[in-house]
All heavy atoms as atom14 arrays in JSON, in Angstrom:
{
  "sequence": "AATASPYPPLNLGVRAHDFGQVPLDVLIAKIRQHSFTCIQFAVK",
  "atom14_mask": [
    [1, 1, 1, 1, 1, 0, 0, 0, 0, 0, 0, 0, 0, 0],
    [1, 1, 1, 1, 1, 0, 0, 0, 0, 0, 0, 0, 0, 0],
    [1, 1, 1, 1, 1, 1, 1, 0, 0, 0, 0, 0, 0, 0],
    [1, 1, 1, 1, 1, 0, 0, 0, 0, 0, 0, 0, 0, 0],
    [1, 1, 1, 1, 1, 1, 0, 0, 0, 0, 0, 0, 0, 0],
    [1, 1, 1, 1, 1, 1, 1, 0, 0, 0, 0, 0, 0, 0],
    [1, 1, 1, 1, 1, 1, 1, 1, 1, 1, 1, 1, 0, 0],
    [1, 1, 1, 1, 1, 1, 1, 0, 0, 0, 0, 0, 0, 0],
    [1, 1, 1, 1, 1, 1, 1, 0, 0, 0, 0, 0, 0, 0],
    [1, 1, 1, 1, 1, 1, 1, 1, 0, 0, 0, 0, 0, 0],
    [1, 1, 1, 1, 1, 1, 1, 1, 0, 0, 0, 0, 0, 0],
    [1, 1, 1, 1, 1, 1, 1, 1, 0, 0, 0, 0, 0, 0],
    [1, 1, 1, 1, 0, 0, 0, 0, 0, 0, 0, 0, 0, 0],
    [1, 1, 1, 1, 1, 1, 1, 0, 0, 0, 0, 0, 0, 0],
    [1, 1, 1, 1, 1, 1, 1, 1, 1, 1, 1, 0, 0, 0],
    [1, 1, 1, 1, 1, 0, 0, 0, 0, 0, 0, 0, 0, 0],
    [1, 1, 1, 1, 1, 1, 1, 1, 1, 1, 0, 0, 0, 0],
    [1, 1, 1, 1, 1, 1, 1, 1, 0, 0, 0, 0, 0, 0],
    [1, 1, 1, 1, 1, 1, 1, 1, 1, 1, 1, 0, 0, 0],
    [1, 1, 1, 1, 0, 0, 0, 0, 0, 0, 0, 0, 0, 0],
    [1, 1, 1, 1, 1, 1, 1, 1, 1, 0, 0, 0, 0, 0],
    [1, 1, 1, 1, 1, 1, 1, 0, 0, 0, 0, 0, 0, 0],
    [1, 1, 1, 1, 1, 1, 1, 0, 0, 0, 0, 0, 0, 0],
    [1, 1, 1, 1, 1, 1, 1, 1, 0, 0, 0, 0, 0, 0],
    [1, 1, 1, 1, 1, 1, 1, 1, 0, 0, 0, 0, 0, 0],
    [1, 1, 1, 1, 1, 1, 1, 0, 0, 0, 0, 0, 0, 0],
    [1, 1, 1, 1, 1, 1, 1, 1, 0, 0, 0, 0, 0, 0],
    [1, 1, 1, 1, 1, 1, 1, 1, 0, 0, 0, 0, 0, 0],
    [1, 1, 1, 1, 1, 0, 0, 0, 0, 0, 0, 0, 0, 0],
    [1, 1, 1, 1, 1, 1, 1, 1, 1, 0, 0, 0, 0, 0],
    [1, 1, 1, 1, 1, 1, 1, 1, 0, 0, 0, 0, 0, 0],
    [1, 1, 1, 1, 1, 1, 1, 1, 1, 1, 1, 0, 0, 0],
    [1, 1, 1, 1, 1, 1, 1, 1, 1, 0, 0, 0, 0, 0],
    [1, 1, 1, 1, 1, 1, 1, 1, 1, 1, 0, 0, 0, 0],
    [1, 1, 1, 1, 1, 1, 0, 0, 0, 0, 0, 0, 0, 0],
    [1, 1, 1, 1, 1, 1, 1, 1, 1, 1, 1, 0, 0, 0],
    [1, 1, 1, 1, 1, 1, 1, 0, 0, 0, 0, 0, 0, 0],
    [1, 1, 1, 1, 1, 1, 0, 0, 0, 0, 0, 0, 0, 0],
    [1, 1, 1, 1, 1, 1, 1, 1, 0, 0, 0, 0, 0, 0],
    [1, 1, 1, 1, 1, 1, 1, 1, 1, 0, 0, 0, 0, 0],
    [1, 1, 1, 1, 1, 1, 1, 1, 1, 1, 1, 0, 0, 0],
    [1, 1, 1, 1, 1, 0, 0, 0, 0, 0, 0, 0, 0, 0],
    [1, 1, 1, 1, 1, 1, 1, 0, 0, 0, 0, 0, 0, 0],
    [1, 1, 1, 1, 1, 1, 1, 1, 1, 0, 0, 0, 0, 0]
  ],
  "atom14_positions": [
    [[-15.98, 20.12, 7.61], [-15.43, 20.67, 6.33], [-14.59, 21.82, 6.48], [-13.63, 22.06, 5.73], [-16.71, 20.96, 5.49], [0.0, 0.0, 0.0], [0.0, 0.0, 0.0], [0.0, 0.0, 0.0], [0.0, 0.0, 0.0], [0.0, 0.0, 0.0], [0.0, 0.0, 0.0], [0.0, 0.0, 0.0], [0.0, 0.0, 0.0], [0.0, 0.0, 0.0]],
    [[-14.97, 22.69, 7.47], [-14.17, 23.98, 7.58], [-12.76, 23.73, 8.14], [-11.81, 24.45, 7.91], [-14.94, 24.95, 8.57], [0.0, 0.0, 0.0], [0.0, 0.0, 0.0], [0.0, 0.0, 0.0], [0.0, 0.0, 0.0], [0.0, 0.0, 0.0], [0.0, 0.0, 0.0], [0.0, 0.0, 0.0], [0.0, 0.0, 0.0], [0.0, 0.0, 0.0]],
    [[-12.71, 22.65, 9.04], [-11.41, 22.37, 9.67], [-10.54, 21.3, 8.92], [-9.46, 21.03, 9.22], [-11.59, 21.84, 11.08], [-12.44, 20.77, 11.08], [-12.28, 22.93, 11.94], [0.0, 0.0, 0.0], [0.0, 0.0, 0.0], [0.0, 0.0, 0.0], [0.0, 0.0, 0.0], [0.0, 0.0, 0.0], [0.0, 0.0, 0.0], [0.0, 0.0, 0.0]],
    [[-11.18, 20.67, 7.85], [-10.5, 19.68, 7.12], [-9.3, 20.32, 6.4], [-9.27, 21.46, 5.9], [-11.36, 19.0, 6.15], [0.0, 0.0, 0.0], [0.0, 0.0, 0.0], [0.0, 0.0, 0.0], [0.0, 0.0, 0.0], [0.0, 0.0, 0.0], [0.0, 0.0, 0.0], [0.0, 0.0, 0.0], [0.0, 0.0, 0.0], [0.0, 0.0, 0.0]],
    [[-8.17, 19.52, 6.24], [-6.97, 20.01, 5.56], [-7.27, 20.14, 4.03], [-7.9, 19.26, 3.45], [-5.75, 19.04, 5.79], [-4.73, 19.39, 4.97], [0.0, 0.0, 0.0], [0.0, 0.0, 0.0], [0.0, 0.0, 0.0], [0.0, 0.0, 0.0], [0.0, 0.0, 0.0], [0.0, 0.0, 0.0], [0.0, 0.0, 0.0], [0.0, 0.0, 0.0]],
    [[-6.78, 21.3, 3.44], [-7.02, 21.37, 2.03], [-6.04, 20.57, 1.22], [-6.07, 20.55, -0.03], [-6.83, 22.91, 1.79], [-5.79, 23.29, 2.85], [-6.16, 22.39, 4.04], [0.0, 0.0, 0.0], [0.0, 0.0, 0.0], [0.0, 0.0, 0.0], [0.0, 0.0, 0.0], [0.0, 0.0, 0.0], [0.0, 0.0, 0.0], [0.0, 0.0, 0.0]],
    [[-5.01, 19.97, 1.92], [-3.99, 19.19, 1.23], [-4.36, 17.71, 1.18], [-4.95, 17.13, 2.13], [-2.64, 19.35, 1.9], [-2.22, 20.83, 1.9], [-2.41, 21.68, 2.97], [-1.72, 21.35, 0.72], [-2.08, 23.06, 2.9], [-1.28, 22.69, 0.63], [-1.51, 23.53, 1.74], [-1.2, 24.84, 1.69], [0.0, 0.0, 0.0], [0.0, 0.0, 0.0]],
    [[-4.02, 16.94, 0.15], [-4.34, 15.52, 0.04], [-3.51, 14.77, 1.03], [-2.48, 15.19, 1.58], [-3.87, 15.21, -1.35], [-2.75, 16.18, -1.71], [-3.26, 17.48, -1.05], [0.0, 0.0, 0.0], [0.0, 0.0, 0.0], [0.0, 0.0, 0.0], [0.0, 0.0, 0.0], [0.0, 0.0, 0.0], [0.0, 0.0, 0.0], [0.0, 0.0, 0.0]],
    [[-4.07, 13.59, 1.48], [-3.32, 12.73, 2.36], [-2.08, 12.21, 1.73], [-1.88, 12.22, 0.48], [-4.31, 11.66, 2.67], [-5.24, 11.57, 1.44], [-5.32, 12.99, 1.03], [0.0, 0.0, 0.0], [0.0, 0.0, 0.0], [0.0, 0.0, 0.0], [0.0, 0.0, 0.0], [0.0, 0.0, 0.0], [0.0, 0.0, 0.0], [0.0, 0.0, 0.0]],
    [[-1.11, 11.75, 2.61], [0.07, 11.1, 2.14], [-0.22, 9.89, 1.25], [-0.98, 8.98, 1.63], [0.95, 10.68, 3.37], [2.24, 10.06, 3.11], [3.23, 11.15, 2.46], [2.79, 9.59, 4.43], [0.0, 0.0, 0.0], [0.0, 0.0, 0.0], [0.0, 0.0, 0.0], [0.0, 0.0, 0.0], [0.0, 0.0, 0.0], [0.0, 0.0, 0.0]],
    [[0.27, 9.94, 0.03], [0.06, 8.84, -0.97], [1.12, 7.77, -0.81], [2.17, 7.71, -1.56], [0.05, 9.42, -2.33], [-0.49, 8.49, -3.35], [-0.99, 7.39, -3.07], [-0.52, 8.9, -4.65], [0.0, 0.0, 0.0], [0.0, 0.0, 0.0], [0.0, 0.0, 0.0], [0.0, 0.0, 0.0], [0.0, 0.0, 0.0], [0.0, 0.0, 0.0]],
    [[0.99, 6.94, 0.19], [2.06, 6.07, 0.69], [1.79, 4.58, 0.17], [0.72, 4.08, 0.35], [2.13, 6.09, 2.23], [3.21, 5.21, 2.82], [4.59, 5.71, 2.4], [3.04, 5.26, 4.42], [0.0, 0.0, 0.0], [0.0, 0.0, 0.0], [0.0, 0.0, 0.0], [0.0, 0.0, 0.0], [0.0, 0.0, 0.0], [0.0, 0.0, 0.0]],
    [[2.87, 4.01, -0.35], [2.83, 2.62, -0.8], [4.01, 1.89, -0.28], [4.65, 2.33, 0.73], [0.0, 0.0, 0.0], [0.0, 0.0, 0.0], [0.0, 0.0, 0.0], [0.0, 0.0, 0.0], [0.0, 0.0, 0.0], [0.0, 0.0, 0.0], [0.0, 0.0, 0.0], [0.0, 0.0, 0.0], [0.0, 0.0, 0.0], [0.0, 0.0, 0.0]],
    [[4.33, 0.71, -0.87], [5.39, -0.11, -0.37], [5.93, -1.02, -1.44], [5.25, -1.13, -2.44], [4.74, -1.09, 0.79], [3.75, -2.03, 0.26], [5.83, -1.78, 1.59], [0.0, 0.0, 0.0], [0.0, 0.0, 0.0], [0.0, 0.0, 0.0], [0.0, 0.0, 0.0], [0.0, 0.0, 0.0], [0.0, 0.0, 0.0], [0.0, 0.0, 0.0]],
    [[7.16, -1.48, -1.27], [7.64, -2.45, -2.15], [7.02, -3.78, -1.86], [7.13, -4.24, -0.69], [9.19, -2.6, -2.03], [10.01, -1.32, -2.41], [11.5, -1.6, -2.4], [11.93, -2.36, -1.26], [13.19, -2.71, -1.02], [14.12, -2.29, -1.96], [13.52, -3.38, 0.06], [0.0, 0.0, 0.0], [0.0, 0.0, 0.0], [0.0, 0.0, 0.0]],
    [[6.34, -4.48, -2.87], [5.72, -5.66, -2.61], [6.62, -6.73, -2.01], [6.13, -7.53, -1.18], [5.03, -6.14, -3.87], [0.0, 0.0, 0.0], [0.0, 0.0, 0.0], [0.0, 0.0, 0.0], [0.0, 0.0, 0.0], [0.0, 0.0, 0.0], [0.0, 0.0, 0.0], [0.0, 0.0, 0.0], [0.0, 0.0, 0.0], [0.0, 0.0, 0.0]],
    [[7.87, -6.8, -2.43], [8.68, -7.87, -1.99], [9.16, -7.61, -0.53], [9.82, -8.58, 0.01], [9.87, -8.07, -2.96], [10.78, -6.94, -3.14], [10.52, -5.95, -4.08], [11.91, -6.59, -2.52], [11.41, -5.01, -4.04], [12.3, -5.35, -3.06], [0.0, 0.0, 0.0], [0.0, 0.0, 0.0], [0.0, 0.0, 0.0], [0.0, 0.0, 0.0]],
    [[8.89, -6.53, 0.07], [9.16, -6.45, 1.49], [8.27, -7.25, 2.35], [8.55, -7.42, 3.5], [9.08, -4.9, 1.88], [10.35, -4.16, 1.53], [11.4, -4.73, 1.23], [10.19, -2.9, 1.3], [0.0, 0.0, 0.0], [0.0, 0.0, 0.0], [0.0, 0.0, 0.0], [0.0, 0.0, 0.0], [0.0, 0.0, 0.0], [0.0, 0.0, 0.0]],
    [[7.2, -7.82, 1.69], [6.33, -8.81, 2.42], [6.9, -10.24, 2.18], [6.24, -11.13, 2.7], [4.95, -8.71, 1.95], [4.23, -7.49, 2.46], [3.92, -6.41, 1.56], [3.8, -7.37, 3.73], [3.26, -5.3, 1.93], [3.19, -6.16, 4.25], [2.91, -5.14, 3.28], [0.0, 0.0, 0.0], [0.0, 0.0, 0.0], [0.0, 0.0, 0.0]],
    [[7.92, -10.39, 1.45], [8.46, -11.76, 1.13], [7.71, -12.42, 0.01], [6.9, -11.77, -0.63], [0.0, 0.0, 0.0], [0.0, 0.0, 0.0], [0.0, 0.0, 0.0], [0.0, 0.0, 0.0], [0.0, 0.0, 0.0], [0.0, 0.0, 0.0], [0.0, 0.0, 0.0], [0.0, 0.0, 0.0], [0.0, 0.0, 0.0], [0.0, 0.0, 0.0]],
    [[8.0, -13.68, -0.19], [7.33, -14.44, -1.25], [6.17, -15.12, -0.62], [6.34, -16.21, 0.04], [8.23, -15.37, -1.89], [9.4, -14.65, -2.74], [10.29, -15.59, -3.45], [10.05, -16.79, -3.57], [11.26, -15.03, -4.23], [0.0, 0.0, 0.0], [0.0, 0.0, 0.0], [0.0, 0.0, 0.0], [0.0, 0.0, 0.0], [0.0, 0.0, 0.0]],
    [[4.95, -14.57, -0.81], [3.7, -15.12, -0.32], [2.72, -15.22, -1.46], [2.84, -14.6, -2.5], [3.13, -14.2, 0.79], [4.13, -14.19, 2.05], [2.81, -12.81, 0.24], [0.0, 0.0, 0.0], [0.0, 0.0, 0.0], [0.0, 0.0, 0.0], [0.0, 0.0, 0.0], [0.0, 0.0, 0.0], [0.0, 0.0, 0.0], [0.0, 0.0, 0.0]],
    [[1.66, -16.03, -1.3], [0.64, -16.15, -2.34], [0.07, -14.76, -2.69], [-0.02, -13.9, -1.76], [-0.41, -17.06, -1.77], [0.41, -17.9, -0.74], [1.39, -16.93, -0.25], [0.0, 0.0, 0.0], [0.0, 0.0, 0.0], [0.0, 0.0, 0.0], [0.0, 0.0, 0.0], [0.0, 0.0, 0.0], [0.0, 0.0, 0.0], [0.0, 0.0, 0.0]],
    [[-0.49, -14.63, -3.89], [-0.91, -13.38, -4.4], [-2.09, -12.79, -3.49], [-2.11, -11.56, -3.17], [-1.43, -13.5, -5.85], [-1.93, -12.16, -6.48], [-0.91, -11.03, -6.43], [-2.26, -12.45, -7.99], [0.0, 0.0, 0.0], [0.0, 0.0, 0.0], [0.0, 0.0, 0.0], [0.0, 0.0, 0.0], [0.0, 0.0, 0.0], [0.0, 0.0, 0.0]],
    [[-3.01, -13.76, -3.11], [-4.1, -13.18, -2.3], [-3.61, -12.74, -0.97], [-4.2, -11.79, -0.36], [-5.21, -14.29, -2.21], [-4.7, -15.59, -1.54], [-3.53, -15.83, -1.57], [-5.58, -16.33, -1.02], [0.0, 0.0, 0.0], [0.0, 0.0, 0.0], [0.0, 0.0, 0.0], [0.0, 0.0, 0.0], [0.0, 0.0, 0.0], [0.0, 0.0, 0.0]],
    [[-2.58, -13.45, -0.4], [-2.07, -13.06, 0.89], [-1.33, -11.73, 0.73], [-1.45, -10.76, 1.62], [-1.08, -14.05, 1.45], [-0.47, -13.65, 2.69], [-1.89, -15.37, 1.71], [0.0, 0.0, 0.0], [0.0, 0.0, 0.0], [0.0, 0.0, 0.0], [0.0, 0.0, 0.0], [0.0, 0.0, 0.0], [0.0, 0.0, 0.0], [0.0, 0.0, 0.0]],
    [[-0.54, -11.49, -0.38], [0.13, -10.24, -0.58], [-0.84, -9.1, -0.62], [-0.66, -8.11, 0.01], [0.95, -10.38, -1.87], [1.53, -9.04, -2.38], [2.58, -8.53, -1.27], [2.28, -9.3, -3.65], [0.0, 0.0, 0.0], [0.0, 0.0, 0.0], [0.0, 0.0, 0.0], [0.0, 0.0, 0.0], [0.0, 0.0, 0.0], [0.0, 0.0, 0.0]],
    [[-1.91, -9.28, -1.41], [-2.94, -8.17, -1.57], [-3.55, -7.94, -0.22], [-3.8, -6.7, 0.15], [-3.98, -8.67, -2.6], [-3.33, -8.51, -4.02], [-5.27, -7.7, -2.51], [-4.2, -9.09, -5.1], [0.0, 0.0, 0.0], [0.0, 0.0, 0.0], [0.0, 0.0, 0.0], [0.0, 0.0, 0.0], [0.0, 0.0, 0.0], [0.0, 0.0, 0.0]],
    [[-3.9, -8.9, 0.5], [-4.5, -8.68, 1.87], [-3.57, -7.92, 2.84], [-3.96, -6.98, 3.56], [-4.81, -10.02, 2.53], [0.0, 0.0, 0.0], [0.0, 0.0, 0.0], [0.0, 0.0, 0.0], [0.0, 0.0, 0.0], [0.0, 0.0, 0.0], [0.0, 0.0, 0.0], [0.0, 0.0, 0.0], [0.0, 0.0, 0.0], [0.0, 0.0, 0.0]],
    [[-2.23, -8.24, 2.79], [-1.25, -7.48, 3.59], [-1.17, -6.01, 3.16], [-1.04, -5.11, 4.01], [0.09, -8.18, 3.5], [0.16, -9.54, 4.23], [1.49, -10.23, 4.0], [1.62, -11.6, 4.76], [1.65, -11.4, 6.22], [0.0, 0.0, 0.0], [0.0, 0.0, 0.0], [0.0, 0.0, 0.0], [0.0, 0.0, 0.0], [0.0, 0.0, 0.0]],
    [[-1.09, -5.8, 1.84], [-0.97, -4.44, 1.38], [-2.24, -3.63, 1.77], [-2.21, -2.5, 2.27], [-0.86, -4.44, -0.19], [0.36, -5.03, -0.66], [-1.08, -2.96, -0.72], [0.39, -5.38, -2.13], [0.0, 0.0, 0.0], [0.0, 0.0, 0.0], [0.0, 0.0, 0.0], [0.0, 0.0, 0.0], [0.0, 0.0, 0.0], [0.0, 0.0, 0.0]],
    [[-3.45, -4.19, 1.66], [-4.67, -3.5, 2.13], [-4.72, -3.34, 3.57], [-5.31, -2.36, 4.08], [-5.92, -4.24, 1.52], [-5.87, -4.29, 0.01], [-7.1, -4.9, -0.54], [-8.3, -4.02, -0.29], [-9.48, -4.26, -0.75], [-9.86, -5.38, -1.4], [-10.53, -3.44, -0.45], [0.0, 0.0, 0.0], [0.0, 0.0, 0.0], [0.0, 0.0, 0.0]],
    [[-4.25, -4.34, 4.32], [-4.29, -4.24, 5.76], [-3.61, -3.01, 6.3], [-4.0, -2.37, 7.26], [-3.58, -5.42, 6.39], [-3.44, -5.43, 7.93], [-2.53, -6.55, 8.4], [-2.35, -7.51, 7.76], [-2.0, -6.43, 9.63], [0.0, 0.0, 0.0], [0.0, 0.0, 0.0], [0.0, 0.0, 0.0], [0.0, 0.0, 0.0], [0.0, 0.0, 0.0]],
    [[-2.49, -2.53, 5.59], [-1.71, -1.41, 5.99], [-2.24, -0.11, 5.29], [-1.56, 0.85, 5.41], [-0.26, -1.6, 5.8], [0.37, -2.71, 6.72], [0.69, -2.4, 8.02], [0.68, -4.02, 6.49], [1.08, -3.53, 8.55], [1.19, -4.57, 7.64], [0.0, 0.0, 0.0], [0.0, 0.0, 0.0], [0.0, 0.0, 0.0], [0.0, 0.0, 0.0]],
    [[-3.25, -0.27, 4.46], [-3.82, 0.85, 3.75], [-2.83, 1.55, 2.78], [-2.92, 2.75, 2.53], [-4.37, 1.91, 4.7], [-5.43, 1.38, 5.57], [0.0, 0.0, 0.0], [0.0, 0.0, 0.0], [0.0, 0.0, 0.0], [0.0, 0.0, 0.0], [0.0, 0.0, 0.0], [0.0, 0.0, 0.0], [0.0, 0.0, 0.0], [0.0, 0.0, 0.0]],
    [[-1.92, 0.72, 2.28], [-1.1, 1.27, 1.26], [-1.88, 1.53, -0.07], [-2.74, 0.63, -0.44], [0.06, 0.31, 0.95], [1.1, 0.18, 2.02], [1.37, -1.03, 2.61], [1.67, 1.32, 2.53], [2.3, -1.1, 3.67], [2.61, 1.19, 3.56], [2.92, -0.03, 4.15], [0.0, 0.0, 0.0], [0.0, 0.0, 0.0], [0.0, 0.0, 0.0]],
    [[-1.65, 2.63, -0.76], [-2.4, 2.94, -1.99], [-1.72, 2.46, -3.3], [-2.33, 2.35, -4.27], [-2.59, 4.45, -2.1], [-1.33, 5.05, -2.13], [-3.39, 4.98, -0.89], [0.0, 0.0, 0.0], [0.0, 0.0, 0.0], [0.0, 0.0, 0.0], [0.0, 0.0, 0.0], [0.0, 0.0, 0.0], [0.0, 0.0, 0.0], [0.0, 0.0, 0.0]],
    [[-0.44, 2.18, -3.14], [0.37, 1.82, -4.38], [1.56, 0.91, -3.99], [1.89, 0.76, -2.82], [0.85, 3.1, -5.08], [1.8, 4.23, -4.0], [0.0, 0.0, 0.0], [0.0, 0.0, 0.0], [0.0, 0.0, 0.0], [0.0, 0.0, 0.0], [0.0, 0.0, 0.0], [0.0, 0.0, 0.0], [0.0, 0.0, 0.0], [0.0, 0.0, 0.0]],
    [[2.11, 0.3, -4.99], [3.26, -0.58, -4.7], [4.3, -0.38, -5.75], [4.08, 0.06, -6.84], [2.88, -2.1, -4.69], [2.21, -2.46, -6.03], [1.91, -2.38, -3.53], [1.91, -3.98, -6.14], [0.0, 0.0, 0.0], [0.0, 0.0, 0.0], [0.0, 0.0, 0.0], [0.0, 0.0, 0.0], [0.0, 0.0, 0.0], [0.0, 0.0, 0.0]],
    [[5.5, -0.84, -5.47], [6.55, -1.12, -6.42], [6.56, -2.72, -6.56], [6.59, -3.39, -5.53], [7.94, -0.66, -5.95], [8.99, -1.05, -6.96], [10.28, -0.31, -6.68], [10.26, 0.87, -6.49], [11.38, -0.99, -6.66], [0.0, 0.0, 0.0], [0.0, 0.0, 0.0], [0.0, 0.0, 0.0], [0.0, 0.0, 0.0], [0.0, 0.0, 0.0]],
    [[6.38, -3.1, -7.78], [6.18, -4.54, -8.06], [7.31, -5.09, -8.88], [7.34, -4.83, -10.03], [4.85, -4.87, -8.66], [4.51, -6.29, -8.87], [4.62, -7.16, -7.73], [4.15, -6.75, -10.09], [4.28, -8.51, -7.89], [3.85, -8.18, -10.23], [3.83, -9.01, -9.16], [0.0, 0.0, 0.0], [0.0, 0.0, 0.0], [0.0, 0.0, 0.0]],
    [[8.26, -5.83, -8.28], [9.22, -6.56, -9.02], [8.89, -7.98, -9.1], [9.1, -8.75, -8.11], [10.6, -6.36, -8.34], [0.0, 0.0, 0.0], [0.0, 0.0, 0.0], [0.0, 0.0, 0.0], [0.0, 0.0, 0.0], [0.0, 0.0, 0.0], [0.0, 0.0, 0.0], [0.0, 0.0, 0.0], [0.0, 0.0, 0.0], [0.0, 0.0, 0.0]],
    [[8.17, -8.43, -10.22], [7.52, -9.7, -10.2], [8.44, -10.89, -9.86], [8.0, -11.78, -9.13], [6.78, -9.87, -11.57], [7.82, -9.85, -12.7], [5.99, -11.23, -11.58], [0.0, 0.0, 0.0], [0.0, 0.0, 0.0], [0.0, 0.0, 0.0], [0.0, 0.0, 0.0], [0.0, 0.0, 0.0], [0.0, 0.0, 0.0], [0.0, 0.0, 0.0]],
    [[9.62, -10.79, -10.38], [10.6, -11.96, -10.05], [11.0, -11.99, -8.58], [11.25, -13.14, -8.02], [11.78, -11.8, -10.9], [12.73, -13.15, -10.94], [13.66, -13.09, -12.06], [14.45, -14.35, -12.19], [15.44, -14.31, -13.24], [0.0, 0.0, 0.0], [0.0, 0.0, 0.0], [0.0, 0.0, 0.0], [0.0, 0.0, 0.0], [0.0, 0.0, 0.0]]
  ]
}
């Protein structure tokens, strides 16, 4: 606790379409695999 950084971790996400057009469950699995916390989602 004494050596832990007082600053939050990098809040890093990704554009969902950078994974290409894949099924929704596959897309979610890929996002979570890389520990991304957020996405930009252009549904089309």
